[in-house]
Protein backbone atom coordinates (compact mmCIF):
# COMPACT_ATOMS: atom_id res chain seq x y z
CA UNK A 1 -31.18 -3.15 42.51
CA UNK A 2 -31.31 -1.16 39.31
CA UNK A 3 -30.87 -2.67 35.90
CA UNK A 4 -27.45 -0.94 35.69
CA UNK A 5 -26.33 -2.56 39.01
CA UNK A 6 -27.62 -5.96 37.93
CA UNK A 7 -25.67 -5.85 34.66
CA UNK A 8 -22.47 -4.70 36.38
CA UNK A 9 -22.86 -7.43 38.96
CA UNK A 10 -23.04 -10.11 36.31
CA UNK A 11 -20.00 -8.70 34.57
CA UNK A 12 -18.05 -8.60 37.79
CA UNK A 13 -19.03 -12.11 38.63
CA UNK A 14 -18.10 -13.49 35.22
CA UNK A 15 -14.97 -15.67 35.26
CA UNK A 16 -11.86 -14.15 33.71
CA UNK A 17 -10.66 -16.52 31.08
CA UNK A 18 -6.95 -16.44 30.01
CA UNK A 19 -6.39 -15.17 26.55
CA UNK A 20 -3.19 -15.57 24.67
CA UNK A 21 -1.64 -12.35 23.19
CA UNK A 22 -1.98 -12.11 19.47
CA UNK A 23 1.07 -13.06 17.39
CA UNK A 24 1.39 -9.76 15.45
CA UNK A 25 4.65 -10.81 13.73
CA UNK A 26 2.95 -13.98 12.32
CA UNK A 27 -0.01 -11.97 11.03
CA UNK A 28 2.11 -9.59 9.06
CA UNK A 29 4.23 -12.42 7.65
CA UNK A 30 0.98 -13.82 6.04
CA UNK A 31 -0.47 -10.50 5.06
CA UNK A 32 2.46 -8.81 3.40
CA UNK A 33 5.05 -10.53 1.03
CA UNK A 34 8.70 -9.79 0.86
CA UNK A 35 9.57 -6.90 -1.42
CA UNK A 36 12.96 -5.47 -2.62
CA UNK A 37 13.90 -2.08 -1.47
CA UNK A 38 13.21 -0.62 -5.03
CA UNK A 39 9.66 -2.23 -4.89
CA UNK A 40 8.99 -0.65 -1.52
CA UNK A 41 10.24 2.71 -2.66
CA UNK A 42 8.03 2.56 -5.68
CA UNK A 43 4.89 1.54 -3.63
CA UNK A 44 5.61 4.39 -1.21
CA UNK A 45 5.79 6.78 -4.10
CA UNK A 46 2.57 5.65 -5.65
CA UNK A 47 0.73 6.02 -2.32
CA UNK A 48 2.08 9.43 -1.36
CA UNK A 49 1.62 10.88 -4.85
CA UNK A 50 -1.99 9.58 -4.70
CA UNK A 51 -2.29 11.75 -1.50
CA UNK A 52 -1.28 14.84 -3.56
CA UNK A 53 2.49 14.91 -2.59
CA UNK A 54 5.05 15.95 -5.18
CA UNK A 55 7.95 13.47 -5.58
CA UNK A 56 11.39 14.08 -7.27
CA UNK A 57 13.83 11.29 -7.68
CA UNK A 58 17.38 12.41 -6.83
CA UNK A 59 20.77 11.16 -6.02
CA UNK A 60 22.95 11.89 -2.99
CA UNK A 61 24.91 14.32 -5.22
CA UNK A 62 22.11 15.94 -7.15
CA UNK A 63 19.41 16.67 -4.50
CA UNK A 64 20.74 20.24 -3.61
CA UNK A 65 20.45 21.21 -7.36
CA UNK A 66 16.81 19.72 -7.55
CA UNK A 67 15.99 21.58 -4.35
CA UNK A 68 17.05 24.86 -5.91
CA UNK A 69 14.98 24.15 -8.95
CA UNK A 70 11.99 23.30 -6.98
CA UNK A 71 12.27 26.59 -5.10
CA UNK A 72 12.90 28.50 -8.18
CA UNK A 73 9.79 26.88 -9.88
CA UNK A 74 7.60 27.88 -6.94
CA UNK A 75 9.22 31.32 -6.68
CA UNK A 76 10.27 30.67 -3.08
CA UNK A 77 13.18 32.90 -1.99
CA UNK A 78 13.51 31.88 1.65
CA UNK A 79 13.93 28.43 3.24
CA UNK A 80 13.89 27.25 6.85
CA UNK A 81 16.84 24.73 7.37
CA UNK A 82 18.64 23.01 10.16
CA UNK A 83 22.29 24.36 9.88
CA UNK A 84 23.41 21.69 12.49
CA UNK A 85 22.69 18.73 10.18
CA UNK A 86 24.75 17.56 7.15
CA UNK A 87 21.73 18.10 4.67
CA UNK A 88 21.10 21.53 6.24
CA UNK A 89 24.63 22.55 5.71
CA UNK A 90 24.67 21.30 2.18
CA UNK A 91 21.38 23.12 1.43
CA UNK A 92 22.88 26.39 2.73
CA UNK A 93 26.03 25.90 0.63
CA UNK A 94 24.05 25.17 -2.50
CA UNK A 95 21.34 27.75 -2.21
CA UNK A 96 22.85 30.96 -0.79
CA UNK A 97 24.99 31.43 -3.91
CA UNK A 98 21.74 31.40 -5.92
CA UNK A 99 20.06 33.97 -4.00
CA UNK A 100 17.98 31.87 -1.71
CA UNK A 101 17.96 33.06 1.92
CA UNK A 102 18.44 30.15 4.37
CA UNK A 103 17.01 30.73 7.81
CA UNK A 104 18.09 28.51 10.71
CA UNK A 105 15.89 27.43 13.57
CA UNK A 106 18.43 28.76 16.06
CA UNK A 107 16.36 30.34 18.86
CA UNK A 108 13.40 29.64 21.07
CA UNK A 109 10.04 29.91 19.31
CA UNK A 110 8.96 32.71 21.56
CA UNK A 111 11.66 34.94 20.32
CA UNK A 112 10.67 34.58 16.55
CA UNK A 113 7.13 33.29 16.30
CA UNK A 114 5.90 36.12 14.28
CA UNK A 115 8.60 35.59 11.56
CA UNK A 116 8.02 31.79 11.54
CA UNK A 117 4.27 32.06 11.04
CA UNK A 118 4.22 34.98 8.60
CA UNK A 119 7.56 35.22 6.91
CA UNK A 120 8.78 31.55 6.33
CA UNK A 121 7.34 30.15 2.99
CA UNK A 122 9.06 26.78 2.93
CA UNK A 123 11.14 24.41 5.18
CA UNK A 124 13.46 21.58 4.49
CA UNK A 125 13.70 18.53 6.89
CA UNK A 126 14.90 14.95 6.58
CA UNK A 127 12.82 11.87 7.13
CA UNK A 128 14.01 9.09 9.44
CA UNK A 129 12.33 6.45 7.23
CA UNK A 130 9.10 5.78 5.26
CA UNK A 131 6.26 3.29 5.24
CA UNK A 132 5.40 1.88 1.79
CA UNK A 133 1.95 0.41 2.64
CA UNK A 134 0.49 3.79 3.42
CA UNK A 135 2.87 6.21 1.72
CA UNK A 136 3.96 7.71 5.01
CA UNK A 137 7.03 9.78 5.91
CA UNK A 138 8.35 9.27 9.55
CA UNK A 139 10.02 12.39 11.05
CA UNK A 140 11.97 12.21 14.22
CA UNK A 141 12.00 15.80 15.61
CA UNK A 142 14.97 16.86 17.71
CA UNK A 143 16.79 20.03 18.74
CA UNK A 144 18.05 20.66 15.19
CA UNK A 145 14.68 20.05 13.51
CA UNK A 146 11.77 20.77 15.94
CA UNK A 147 8.36 19.65 14.86
CA UNK A 148 7.16 23.21 14.03
CA UNK A 149 9.54 23.11 10.95
CA UNK A 150 7.21 20.62 9.44
CA UNK A 151 3.89 21.90 10.72
CA UNK A 152 4.03 25.65 10.15
CA UNK A 153 5.53 26.61 6.70
CA UNK A 154 3.06 26.40 3.76
CA UNK A 155 5.48 24.25 1.83
CA UNK A 156 7.33 21.40 3.43
CA UNK A 157 10.15 19.63 1.58
CA UNK A 158 11.54 16.29 2.88
CA UNK A 159 14.58 14.51 2.04
CA UNK A 160 14.16 10.77 2.13
CA UNK A 161 16.71 7.98 1.61
CA UNK A 162 14.77 5.44 -0.37
CA UNK A 163 16.86 2.62 1.32
CA UNK A 164 15.00 3.48 4.62
CA UNK A 165 11.65 2.45 3.32
CA UNK A 166 9.75 -0.27 5.27
CA UNK A 167 6.83 -2.33 4.27
CA UNK A 168 4.55 -1.58 7.04
CA UNK A 169 4.38 0.50 10.32
CA UNK A 170 4.96 -2.66 12.29
CA UNK A 171 8.15 -3.31 10.31
CA UNK A 172 9.36 0.16 10.89
CA UNK A 173 8.91 -0.04 14.67
CA UNK A 174 10.45 -3.48 14.80
CA UNK A 175 13.48 -2.98 12.56
CA UNK A 176 14.32 0.40 14.13
CA UNK A 177 13.76 -0.66 17.76
CA UNK A 178 11.21 2.01 18.61
CA UNK A 179 10.47 0.23 21.87
CA UNK A 180 13.94 1.27 23.12
CA UNK A 181 13.04 5.00 22.94
CA UNK A 182 10.93 7.55 21.11
CA UNK A 183 11.19 11.37 20.77
CA UNK A 184 8.60 13.59 22.39
CA UNK A 185 6.71 13.59 19.03
CA UNK A 186 7.29 11.03 16.25
CA UNK A 187 5.56 12.55 13.21
CA UNK A 188 3.81 10.40 10.58
CA UNK A 189 3.12 12.39 7.41
CA UNK A 190 1.01 10.93 4.44
CA UNK A 191 0.52 13.95 2.29
CA UNK A 192 -0.17 17.68 2.64
CA UNK A 193 -2.46 18.94 5.37
CA UNK A 194 -6.10 18.52 4.48
CA UNK A 195 -9.62 18.41 5.93
CA UNK A 196 -13.11 17.87 4.76
CA UNK A 197 -14.82 19.01 7.89
CA UNK A 198 -16.30 22.27 6.28
CA UNK A 199 -19.19 21.37 3.97
CA UNK A 200 -17.62 18.02 3.17
CA UNK A 201 -15.31 19.74 0.77
CA UNK A 202 -11.68 18.62 0.75
CA UNK A 203 -9.34 21.56 1.40
CA UNK A 204 -5.57 21.57 1.71
CA UNK A 205 -3.59 23.55 4.22
CA UNK A 206 -6.23 23.78 6.85
CA UNK A 207 -3.92 22.96 9.68
CA UNK A 208 -0.44 22.57 8.16
CA UNK A 209 1.51 22.73 4.88
CA UNK A 210 -0.43 23.16 1.76
CA UNK A 211 2.26 21.35 -0.23
CA UNK A 212 4.44 18.41 0.55
CA UNK A 213 7.47 17.80 -1.68
CA UNK A 214 9.61 14.64 -1.33
CA UNK A 215 13.16 14.39 -2.64
CA UNK A 216 13.46 10.53 -2.94
CA UNK A 217 17.17 9.91 -2.96
CA UNK A 218 19.25 6.79 -3.77
CA UNK A 219 19.59 3.98 -6.24
CA UNK A 220 16.48 2.28 -4.76
CA UNK A 221 14.36 5.22 -6.01
């Protein structure tokens, strides 16, 4: 019998001892205190700005105007939006009069891949929620806002309701009932795309947007 066989035989012969499942909820209760919505929103903002995201505090009424100002400041004249959503429709209504072309994601990617990859400078999507502990946006792609909207354009603009900010990833999953169903892809975004694989030099935009802009909306912001 080889040494490998002897080791495997001992492992297989070892008794299997019952082990209680960890109490995850209790662990989080002792490691993260209760915070107000405003405190969670502030902690989220600090973390995501530290990761080089740009954050603008807006109200439910003012965010289309701020969106227009951001696009004008960055000299962006074309925006990918989701016309079938409330925020997409509001963006179109507020931007087209100012000369911004709003492009809808309204056909299969095979039909307009070249345009998406080479002629769309920015996109607007909405976040489902956010995680304060890591400064993370949670996106829930669907037929209106497929995942390529947040992965391909060089500038990604995200509308986030500050009231949907959770303390931790665990709290987000529990509070929103993720166990009951998930999309094909749930996206967790904690800043612009970046890598340090090449010569250990941090570079942005290597495999996704170079810029991440968050419109943090609501009184909690």
